[in-house]
PDB file of all heavy atoms in Angstrom:
ATOM      1  N   SER A   1      10.910  -2.627  -8.852  1.00  0.00           N
ATOM      2  CA  SER A   1      10.094  -3.038  -7.705  1.00  0.00           C
ATOM      3  C   SER A   1       9.753  -1.857  -6.812  1.00  0.00           C
ATOM      4  O   SER A   1       8.609  -1.714  -6.374  1.00  0.00           O
ATOM      5  CB  SER A   1      10.831  -4.096  -6.870  1.00  0.00           C
ATOM      6  OG  SER A   1      10.967  -5.286  -7.583  1.00  0.00           O
ATOM      7  N   ASN A   2      10.732  -1.025  -6.541  1.00  0.00           N
ATOM      8  CA  ASN A   2      10.496   0.116  -5.650  1.00  0.00           C
ATOM      9  C   ASN A   2       9.565   1.150  -6.281  1.00  0.00           C
ATOM     10  O   ASN A   2       8.710   1.722  -5.596  1.00  0.00           O
ATOM     11  CB  ASN A   2      11.817   0.753  -5.232  1.00  0.00           C
ATOM     12  CG  ASN A   2      12.559  -0.100  -4.229  1.00  0.00           C
ATOM     13  OD1 ASN A   2      11.986  -0.969  -3.584  1.00  0.00           O
ATOM     14  ND2 ASN A   2      13.848   0.132  -4.103  1.00  0.00           N
ATOM     15  N   VAL A   3       9.704   1.377  -7.577  1.00  0.00           N
ATOM     16  CA  VAL A   3       8.826   2.334  -8.260  1.00  0.00           C
ATOM     17  C   VAL A   3       7.393   1.799  -8.278  1.00  0.00           C
ATOM     18  O   VAL A   3       6.444   2.528  -7.967  1.00  0.00           O
ATOM     19  CB  VAL A   3       9.351   2.628  -9.684  1.00  0.00           C
ATOM     20  CG1 VAL A   3       8.307   3.317 -10.532  1.00  0.00           C
ATOM     21  CG2 VAL A   3      10.620   3.466  -9.620  1.00  0.00           C
ATOM     22  N   LEU A   4       7.223   0.541  -8.631  1.00  0.00           N
ATOM     23  CA  LEU A   4       5.876  -0.049  -8.649  1.00  0.00           C
ATOM     24  C   LEU A   4       5.258  -0.062  -7.255  1.00  0.00           C
ATOM     25  O   LEU A   4       4.081   0.254  -7.080  1.00  0.00           O
ATOM     26  CB  LEU A   4       5.927  -1.466  -9.220  1.00  0.00           C
ATOM     27  CG  LEU A   4       6.163  -1.563 -10.727  1.00  0.00           C
ATOM     28  CD1 LEU A   4       6.413  -3.020 -11.129  1.00  0.00           C
ATOM     29  CD2 LEU A   4       4.993  -0.992 -11.491  1.00  0.00           C
ATOM     30  N   SER A   5       6.039  -0.417  -6.266  1.00  0.00           N
ATOM     31  CA  SER A   5       5.545  -0.445  -4.889  1.00  0.00           C
ATOM     32  C   SER A   5       5.141   0.953  -4.422  1.00  0.00           C
ATOM     33  O   SER A   5       4.115   1.115  -3.755  1.00  0.00           O
ATOM     34  CB  SER A   5       6.602  -1.023  -3.960  1.00  0.00           C
ATOM     35  OG  SER A   5       6.155  -0.986  -2.632  1.00  0.00           O
ATOM     36  N   THR A   6       5.937   1.943  -4.768  1.00  0.00           N
ATOM     37  CA  THR A   6       5.610   3.321  -4.404  1.00  0.00           C
ATOM     38  C   THR A   6       4.310   3.759  -5.069  1.00  0.00           C
ATOM     39  O   THR A   6       3.470   4.412  -4.439  1.00  0.00           O
ATOM     40  CB  THR A   6       6.758   4.273  -4.803  1.00  0.00           C
ATOM     41  OG1 THR A   6       7.931   3.898  -4.091  1.00  0.00           O
ATOM     42  CG2 THR A   6       6.417   5.719  -4.502  1.00  0.00           C
ATOM     43  N   ALA A   7       4.133   3.380  -6.333  1.00  0.00           N
ATOM     44  CA  ALA A   7       2.900   3.731  -7.044  1.00  0.00           C
ATOM     45  C   ALA A   7       1.694   3.070  -6.379  1.00  0.00           C
ATOM     46  O   ALA A   7       0.657   3.715  -6.169  1.00  0.00           O
ATOM     47  CB  ALA A   7       3.001   3.320  -8.510  1.00  0.00           C
ATOM     48  N   VAL A   8       1.824   1.802  -6.018  1.00  0.00           N
ATOM     49  CA  VAL A   8       0.727   1.100  -5.344  1.00  0.00           C
ATOM     50  C   VAL A   8       0.443   1.743  -3.994  1.00  0.00           C
ATOM     51  O   VAL A   8      -0.711   2.020  -3.653  1.00  0.00           O
ATOM     52  CB  VAL A   8       1.041  -0.403  -5.185  1.00  0.00           C
ATOM     53  CG1 VAL A   8       0.031  -1.093  -4.284  1.00  0.00           C
ATOM     54  CG2 VAL A   8       1.100  -1.096  -6.540  1.00  0.00           C
ATOM     55  N   LEU A   9       1.485   2.009  -3.222  1.00  0.00           N
ATOM     56  CA  LEU A   9       1.305   2.618  -1.909  1.00  0.00           C
ATOM     57  C   LEU A   9       0.649   3.995  -2.019  1.00  0.00           C
ATOM     58  O   LEU A   9      -0.285   4.305  -1.280  1.00  0.00           O
ATOM     59  CB  LEU A   9       2.640   2.728  -1.175  1.00  0.00           C
ATOM     60  CG  LEU A   9       2.587   3.371   0.207  1.00  0.00           C
ATOM     61  CD1 LEU A   9       1.758   2.523   1.167  1.00  0.00           C
ATOM     62  CD2 LEU A   9       3.981   3.577   0.755  1.00  0.00           C
ATOM     63  N   GLY A  10       1.135   4.809  -2.933  1.00  0.00           N
ATOM     64  CA  GLY A  10       0.553   6.138  -3.109  1.00  0.00           C
ATOM     65  C   GLY A  10      -0.906   6.057  -3.507  1.00  0.00           C
ATOM     66  O   GLY A  10      -1.762   6.757  -2.950  1.00  0.00           O
ATOM     67  N   TRP A  11      -1.220   5.189  -4.436  1.00  0.00           N
ATOM     68  CA  TRP A  11      -2.598   5.021  -4.901  1.00  0.00           C
ATOM     69  C   TRP A  11      -3.493   4.545  -3.767  1.00  0.00           C
ATOM     70  O   TRP A  11      -4.575   5.081  -3.554  1.00  0.00           O
ATOM     71  CB  TRP A  11      -2.602   4.047  -6.073  1.00  0.00           C
ATOM     72  CG  TRP A  11      -3.935   3.851  -6.708  1.00  0.00           C
ATOM     73  CD1 TRP A  11      -4.636   4.766  -7.449  1.00  0.00           C
ATOM     74  CD2 TRP A  11      -4.729   2.683  -6.641  1.00  0.00           C
ATOM     75  NE1 TRP A  11      -5.817   4.210  -7.858  1.00  0.00           N
ATOM     76  CE2 TRP A  11      -5.905   2.926  -7.386  1.00  0.00           C
ATOM     77  CE3 TRP A  11      -4.557   1.433  -6.053  1.00  0.00           C
ATOM     78  CZ2 TRP A  11      -6.896   1.985  -7.538  1.00  0.00           C
ATOM     79  CZ3 TRP A  11      -5.556   0.485  -6.220  1.00  0.00           C
ATOM     80  CH2 TRP A  11      -6.712   0.767  -6.939  1.00  0.00           C
ATOM     81  N   VAL A  12      -3.027   3.551  -3.014  1.00  0.00           N
ATOM     82  CA  VAL A  12      -3.816   3.006  -1.903  1.00  0.00           C
ATOM     83  C   VAL A  12      -4.035   4.071  -0.826  1.00  0.00           C
ATOM     84  O   VAL A  12      -5.161   4.262  -0.359  1.00  0.00           O
ATOM     85  CB  VAL A  12      -3.133   1.757  -1.296  1.00  0.00           C
ATOM     86  CG1 VAL A  12      -3.711   1.400   0.059  1.00  0.00           C
ATOM     87  CG2 VAL A  12      -3.248   0.581  -2.255  1.00  0.00           C
ATOM     88  N   MET A  13      -2.983   4.759  -0.437  1.00  0.00           N
ATOM     89  CA  MET A  13      -3.092   5.726   0.656  1.00  0.00           C
ATOM     90  C   MET A  13      -3.938   6.935   0.279  1.00  0.00           C
ATOM     91  O   MET A  13      -4.645   7.478   1.120  1.00  0.00           O
ATOM     92  CB  MET A  13      -1.701   6.179   1.109  1.00  0.00           C
ATOM     93  CG  MET A  13      -0.867   5.064   1.706  1.00  0.00           C
ATOM     94  SD  MET A  13      -1.662   4.201   3.081  1.00  0.00           S
ATOM     95  CE  MET A  13      -1.652   5.456   4.324  1.00  0.00           C
ATOM     96  N   ILE A  14      -3.875   7.347  -0.962  1.00  0.00           N
ATOM     97  CA  ILE A  14      -4.624   8.530  -1.375  1.00  0.00           C
ATOM     98  C   ILE A  14      -6.067   8.179  -1.720  1.00  0.00           C
ATOM     99  O   ILE A  14      -6.993   8.889  -1.337  1.00  0.00           O
ATOM    100  CB  ILE A  14      -3.908   9.234  -2.546  1.00  0.00           C
ATOM    101  CG1 ILE A  14      -2.619   9.868  -2.021  1.00  0.00           C
ATOM    102  CG2 ILE A  14      -4.810  10.279  -3.198  1.00  0.00           C
ATOM    103  CD1 ILE A  14      -1.663  10.352  -3.068  1.00  0.00           C
ATOM    104  N   ARG A  15      -6.278   7.087  -2.400  1.00  0.00           N
ATOM    105  CA  ARG A  15      -7.622   6.733  -2.858  1.00  0.00           C
ATOM    106  C   ARG A  15      -8.430   5.930  -1.844  1.00  0.00           C
ATOM    107  O   ARG A  15      -9.648   5.982  -1.865  1.00  0.00           O
ATOM    108  CB  ARG A  15      -7.542   5.932  -4.165  1.00  0.00           C
ATOM    109  CG  ARG A  15      -6.809   6.644  -5.275  1.00  0.00           C
ATOM    110  CD  ARG A  15      -7.609   7.698  -5.923  1.00  0.00           C
ATOM    111  NE  ARG A  15      -8.540   7.044  -6.830  1.00  0.00           N
ATOM    112  CZ  ARG A  15      -9.615   7.608  -7.308  1.00  0.00           C
ATOM    113  NH1 ARG A  15      -9.895   8.833  -6.981  1.00  0.00           N
ATOM    114  NH2 ARG A  15     -10.413   6.979  -8.113  1.00  0.00           N
ATOM    115  N   PHE A  16      -7.746   5.179  -0.980  1.00  0.00           N
ATOM    116  CA  PHE A  16      -8.464   4.252  -0.109  1.00  0.00           C
ATOM    117  C   PHE A  16      -8.134   4.423   1.365  1.00  0.00           C
ATOM    118  O   PHE A  16      -8.192   3.466   2.130  1.00  0.00           O
ATOM    119  CB  PHE A  16      -8.181   2.803  -0.527  1.00  0.00           C
ATOM    120  CG  PHE A  16      -8.617   2.505  -1.919  1.00  0.00           C
ATOM    121  CD1 PHE A  16      -7.693   2.376  -2.937  1.00  0.00           C
ATOM    122  CD2 PHE A  16      -9.959   2.363  -2.222  1.00  0.00           C
ATOM    123  CE1 PHE A  16      -8.100   2.103  -4.233  1.00  0.00           C
ATOM    124  CE2 PHE A  16     -10.380   2.092  -3.508  1.00  0.00           C
ATOM    125  CZ  PHE A  16      -9.443   1.964  -4.520  1.00  0.00           C
ATOM    126  N   SER A  17      -7.787   5.616   1.770  1.00  0.00           N
ATOM    127  CA  SER A  17      -7.444   5.828   3.177  1.00  0.00           C
ATOM    128  C   SER A  17      -8.638   5.624   4.101  1.00  0.00           C
ATOM    129  O   SER A  17      -8.476   5.482   5.306  1.00  0.00           O
ATOM    130  CB  SER A  17      -6.855   7.221   3.376  1.00  0.00           C
ATOM    131  OG  SER A  17      -7.786   8.203   2.998  1.00  0.00           O
ATOM    132  N   ASN A  18      -9.838   5.571   3.533  1.00  0.00           N
ATOM    133  CA  ASN A  18     -11.040   5.391   4.351  1.00  0.00           C
ATOM    134  C   ASN A  18     -11.516   3.932   4.414  1.00  0.00           C
ATOM    135  O   ASN A  18     -12.551   3.661   4.995  1.00  0.00           O
ATOM    136  CB  ASN A  18     -12.171   6.285   3.833  1.00  0.00           C
ATOM    137  CG  ASN A  18     -12.537   5.963   2.397  1.00  0.00           C
ATOM    138  OD1 ASN A  18     -11.792   5.290   1.693  1.00  0.00           O
ATOM    139  ND2 ASN A  18     -13.665   6.473   1.964  1.00  0.00           N
ATOM    140  N   ILE A  19     -10.767   2.986   3.829  1.00  0.00           N
ATOM    141  CA  ILE A  19     -11.187   1.581   3.894  1.00  0.00           C
ATOM    142  C   ILE A  19     -10.882   1.016   5.277  1.00  0.00           C
ATOM    143  O   ILE A  19     -10.158   1.633   6.066  1.00  0.00           O
ATOM    144  CB  ILE A  19     -10.532   0.715   2.794  1.00  0.00           C
ATOM    145  CG1 ILE A  19      -9.011   0.629   2.971  1.00  0.00           C
ATOM    146  CG2 ILE A  19     -10.912   1.193   1.422  1.00  0.00           C
ATOM    147  CD1 ILE A  19      -8.337  -0.335   2.016  1.00  0.00           C
ATOM    148  N   GLN A  20     -11.410  -0.154   5.547  1.00  0.00           N
ATOM    149  CA  GLN A  20     -11.195  -0.788   6.849  1.00  0.00           C
ATOM    150  C   GLN A  20      -9.704  -0.894   7.147  1.00  0.00           C
ATOM    151  O   GLN A  20      -8.897  -1.204   6.268  1.00  0.00           O
ATOM    152  CB  GLN A  20     -11.815  -2.180   6.880  1.00  0.00           C
ATOM    153  CG  GLN A  20     -13.299  -2.184   6.995  1.00  0.00           C
ATOM    154  CD  GLN A  20     -13.814  -3.608   7.125  1.00  0.00           C
ATOM    155  OE1 GLN A  20     -13.208  -4.559   6.679  1.00  0.00           O
ATOM    156  NE2 GLN A  20     -14.974  -3.727   7.751  1.00  0.00           N
ATOM    157  N   HIS A  21      -9.382  -0.672   8.396  1.00  0.00           N
ATOM    158  CA  HIS A  21      -7.984  -0.637   8.819  1.00  0.00           C
ATOM    159  C   HIS A  21      -7.223  -1.916   8.465  1.00  0.00           C
ATOM    160  O   HIS A  21      -6.067  -1.851   8.061  1.00  0.00           O
ATOM    161  CB  HIS A  21      -7.902  -0.364  10.327  1.00  0.00           C
ATOM    162  CG  HIS A  21      -6.518  -0.134  10.813  1.00  0.00           C
ATOM    163  ND1 HIS A  21      -5.776   0.962  10.426  1.00  0.00           N
ATOM    164  CD2 HIS A  21      -5.733  -0.867  11.638  1.00  0.00           C
ATOM    165  CE1 HIS A  21      -4.589   0.895  11.002  1.00  0.00           C
ATOM    166  NE2 HIS A  21      -4.539  -0.186  11.745  1.00  0.00           N
ATOM    167  N   VAL A  22      -7.846  -3.064   8.569  1.00  0.00           N
ATOM    168  CA  VAL A  22      -7.141  -4.317   8.295  1.00  0.00           C
ATOM    169  C   VAL A  22      -6.754  -4.417   6.816  1.00  0.00           C
ATOM    170  O   VAL A  22      -5.682  -4.915   6.474  1.00  0.00           O
ATOM    171  CB  VAL A  22      -7.952  -5.548   8.772  1.00  0.00           C
ATOM    172  CG1 VAL A  22      -9.167  -5.789   7.907  1.00  0.00           C
ATOM    173  CG2 VAL A  22      -7.082  -6.785   8.845  1.00  0.00           C
ATOM    174  N   TRP A  23      -7.591  -3.896   5.911  1.00  0.00           N
ATOM    175  CA  TRP A  23      -7.254  -3.916   4.484  1.00  0.00           C
ATOM    176  C   TRP A  23      -6.147  -2.920   4.169  1.00  0.00           C
ATOM    177  O   TRP A  23      -5.270  -3.192   3.340  1.00  0.00           O
ATOM    178  CB  TRP A  23      -8.487  -3.643   3.626  1.00  0.00           C
ATOM    179  CG  TRP A  23      -9.380  -4.828   3.559  1.00  0.00           C
ATOM    180  CD1 TRP A  23     -10.593  -4.982   4.182  1.00  0.00           C
ATOM    181  CD2 TRP A  23      -9.124  -6.049   2.875  1.00  0.00           C
ATOM    182  NE1 TRP A  23     -11.107  -6.229   3.911  1.00  0.00           N
ATOM    183  CE2 TRP A  23     -10.223  -6.904   3.102  1.00  0.00           C
ATOM    184  CE3 TRP A  23      -8.086  -6.510   2.091  1.00  0.00           C
ATOM    185  CZ2 TRP A  23     -10.299  -8.196   2.581  1.00  0.00           C
ATOM    186  CZ3 TRP A  23      -8.158  -7.788   1.556  1.00  0.00           C
ATOM    187  CH2 TRP A  23      -9.247  -8.610   1.800  1.00  0.00           C
ATOM    188  N   LEU A  24      -6.191  -1.776   4.809  1.00  0.00           N
ATOM    189  CA  LEU A  24      -5.128  -0.792   4.629  1.00  0.00           C
ATOM    190  C   LEU A  24      -3.803  -1.358   5.147  1.00  0.00           C
ATOM    191  O   LEU A  24      -2.762  -1.188   4.518  1.00  0.00           O
ATOM    192  CB  LEU A  24      -5.493   0.505   5.354  1.00  0.00           C
ATOM    193  CG  LEU A  24      -4.755   1.761   4.944  1.00  0.00           C
ATOM    194  CD1 LEU A  24      -4.888   2.031   3.459  1.00  0.00           C
ATOM    195  CD2 LEU A  24      -5.268   2.945   5.729  1.00  0.00           C
ATOM    196  N   THR A  25      -3.864  -2.046   6.275  1.00  0.00           N
ATOM    197  CA  THR A  25      -2.674  -2.701   6.825  1.00  0.00           C
ATOM    198  C   THR A  25      -2.158  -3.760   5.866  1.00  0.00           C
ATOM    199  O   THR A  25      -0.957  -3.861   5.615  1.00  0.00           O
ATOM    200  CB  THR A  25      -3.011  -3.335   8.199  1.00  0.00           C
ATOM    201  OG1 THR A  25      -3.464  -2.306   9.069  1.00  0.00           O
ATOM    202  CG2 THR A  25      -1.814  -4.014   8.806  1.00  0.00           C
ATOM    203  N   PHE A  26      -3.069  -4.560   5.320  1.00  0.00           N
ATOM    204  CA  PHE A  26      -2.711  -5.606   4.356  1.00  0.00           C
ATOM    205  C   PHE A  26      -1.991  -5.011   3.147  1.00  0.00           C
ATOM    206  O   PHE A  26      -0.923  -5.495   2.752  1.00  0.00           O
ATOM    207  CB  PHE A  26      -3.972  -6.349   3.905  1.00  0.00           C
ATOM    208  CG  PHE A  26      -3.778  -7.249   2.721  1.00  0.00           C
ATOM    209  CD1 PHE A  26      -3.229  -8.509   2.873  1.00  0.00           C
ATOM    210  CD2 PHE A  26      -4.156  -6.832   1.455  1.00  0.00           C
ATOM    211  CE1 PHE A  26      -3.048  -9.343   1.771  1.00  0.00           C
ATOM    212  CE2 PHE A  26      -3.980  -7.654   0.350  1.00  0.00           C
ATOM    213  CZ  PHE A  26      -3.431  -8.918   0.515  1.00  0.00           C
ATOM    214  N   LEU A  27      -2.563  -3.947   2.577  1.00  0.00           N
ATOM    215  CA  LEU A  27      -2.012  -3.369   1.354  1.00  0.00           C
ATOM    216  C   LEU A  27      -0.771  -2.514   1.610  1.00  0.00           C
ATOM    217  O   LEU A  27       0.257  -2.686   0.948  1.00  0.00           O
ATOM    218  CB  LEU A  27      -3.082  -2.524   0.653  1.00  0.00           C
ATOM    219  CG  LEU A  27      -4.231  -3.304   0.039  1.00  0.00           C
ATOM    220  CD1 LEU A  27      -5.363  -2.361  -0.364  1.00  0.00           C
ATOM    221  CD2 LEU A  27      -3.762  -4.115  -1.150  1.00  0.00           C
ATOM    222  N   ALA A  28      -0.876  -1.581   2.544  1.00  0.00           N
ATOM    223  CA  ALA A  28       0.200  -0.608   2.739  1.00  0.00           C
ATOM    224  C   ALA A  28       1.405  -1.204   3.461  1.00  0.00           C
ATOM    225  O   ALA A  28       2.537  -1.102   2.986  1.00  0.00           O
ATOM    226  CB  ALA A  28      -0.321   0.608   3.500  1.00  0.00           C
ATOM    227  N   ILE A  29       1.172  -1.822   4.600  1.00  0.00           N
ATOM    228  CA  ILE A  29       2.288  -2.358   5.378  1.00  0.00           C
ATOM    229  C   ILE A  29       2.734  -3.717   4.839  1.00  0.00           C
ATOM    230  O   ILE A  29       3.915  -3.952   4.598  1.00  0.00           O
ATOM    231  CB  ILE A  29       1.923  -2.464   6.871  1.00  0.00           C
ATOM    232  CG1 ILE A  29       1.623  -1.075   7.425  1.00  0.00           C
ATOM    233  CG2 ILE A  29       3.038  -3.142   7.662  1.00  0.00           C
ATOM    234  CD1 ILE A  29       1.056  -1.080   8.836  1.00  0.00           C
ATOM    235  N   GLY A  30       1.765  -4.610   4.626  1.00  0.00           N
ATOM    236  CA  GLY A  30       2.095  -5.954   4.188  1.00  0.00           C
ATOM    237  C   GLY A  30       2.582  -6.018   2.758  1.00  0.00           C
ATOM    238  O   GLY A  30       3.763  -6.266   2.489  1.00  0.00           O
ATOM    239  N   PHE A  31       1.670  -5.772   1.803  1.00  0.00           N
ATOM    240  CA  PHE A  31       2.004  -5.940   0.388  1.00  0.00           C
ATOM    241  C   PHE A  31       3.125  -5.006  -0.053  1.00  0.00           C
ATOM    242  O   PHE A  31       4.128  -5.451  -0.611  1.00  0.00           O
ATOM    243  CB  PHE A  31       0.768  -5.736  -0.492  1.00  0.00           C
ATOM    244  CG  PHE A  31       1.056  -5.953  -1.942  1.00  0.00           C
ATOM    245  CD1 PHE A  31       1.130  -7.235  -2.453  1.00  0.00           C
ATOM    246  CD2 PHE A  31       1.294  -4.882  -2.787  1.00  0.00           C
ATOM    247  CE1 PHE A  31       1.435  -7.448  -3.799  1.00  0.00           C
ATOM    248  CE2 PHE A  31       1.590  -5.078  -4.128  1.00  0.00           C
ATOM    249  CZ  PHE A  31       1.659  -6.364  -4.628  1.00  0.00           C
ATOM    250  N   CYS A  32       2.966  -3.700   0.186  1.00  0.00           N
ATOM    251  CA  CYS A  32       3.981  -2.747  -0.262  1.00  0.00           C
ATOM    252  C   CYS A  32       5.299  -2.918   0.487  1.00  0.00           C
ATOM    253  O   CYS A  32       6.373  -2.733  -0.084  1.00  0.00           O
ATOM    254  CB  CYS A  32       3.464  -1.318  -0.149  1.00  0.00           C
ATOM    255  SG  CYS A  32       2.168  -0.960  -1.349  1.00  0.00           S
ATOM    256  N   GLY A  33       5.209  -3.294   1.758  1.00  0.00           N
ATOM    257  CA  GLY A  33       6.432  -3.562   2.519  1.00  0.00           C
ATOM    258  C   GLY A  33       7.191  -4.757   1.975  1.00  0.00           C
ATOM    259  O   GLY A  33       8.425  -4.765   1.917  1.00  0.00           O
ATOM    260  N   GLY A  34       6.461  -5.785   1.544  1.00  0.00           N
ATOM    261  CA  GLY A  34       7.107  -6.954   0.954  1.00  0.00           C
ATOM    262  C   GLY A  34       7.575  -6.719  -0.467  1.00  0.00           C
ATOM    263  O   GLY A  34       8.545  -7.320  -0.931  1.00  0.00           O
ATOM    264  N   PHE A  35       6.874  -5.854  -1.184  1.00  0.00           N
ATOM    265  CA  PHE A  35       7.186  -5.593  -2.589  1.00  0.00           C
ATOM    266  C   PHE A  35       8.385  -4.652  -2.733  1.00  0.00           C
ATOM    267  O   PHE A  35       9.211  -4.815  -3.617  1.00  0.00           O
ATOM    268  CB  PHE A  35       5.944  -5.007  -3.260  1.00  0.00           C
ATOM    269  CG  PHE A  35       5.978  -4.969  -4.759  1.00  0.00           C
ATOM    270  CD1 PHE A  35       6.949  -5.604  -5.504  1.00  0.00           C
ATOM    271  CD2 PHE A  35       4.990  -4.291  -5.446  1.00  0.00           C
ATOM    272  CE1 PHE A  35       6.947  -5.562  -6.887  1.00  0.00           C
ATOM    273  CE2 PHE A  35       4.965  -4.239  -6.831  1.00  0.00           C
ATOM    274  CZ  PHE A  35       5.953  -4.882  -7.550  1.00  0.00           C
ATOM    275  N   SER A  36       8.475  -3.653  -1.874  1.00  0.00           N
ATOM    276  CA  SER A  36       9.597  -2.714  -1.953  1.00  0.00           C
ATOM    277  C   SER A  36      10.800  -3.304  -1.238  1.00  0.00           C
ATOM    278  O   SER A  36      10.687  -4.236  -0.456  1.00  0.00           O
ATOM    279  CB  SER A  36       9.216  -1.367  -1.338  1.00  0.00           C
ATOM    280  OG  SER A  36       8.976  -1.512   0.039  1.00  0.00           O
ATOM    281  N   THR A  37      11.958  -2.737  -1.498  1.00  0.00           N
ATOM    282  CA  THR A  37      13.162  -3.339  -0.942  1.00  0.00           C
ATOM    283  C   THR A  37      14.265  -2.310  -0.724  1.00  0.00           C
ATOM    284  O   THR A  37      15.147  -2.152  -1.546  1.00  0.00           O
ATOM    285  CB  THR A  37      13.637  -4.493  -1.843  1.00  0.00           C
ATOM    286  OG1 THR A  37      14.872  -4.973  -1.360  1.00  0.00           O
ATOM    287  CG2 THR A  37      13.763  -4.091  -3.293  1.00  0.00           C
TER     288      THR A  37
END
């Protein structure tokens, strides 16, 4: 879970740092925060 979450977070932050703030919040803080442990 932690490895997959880190991969998702890294991909999102590097590739999509310019997307709307609410989507970045959804993916980085919400999804990855819930997925990692």
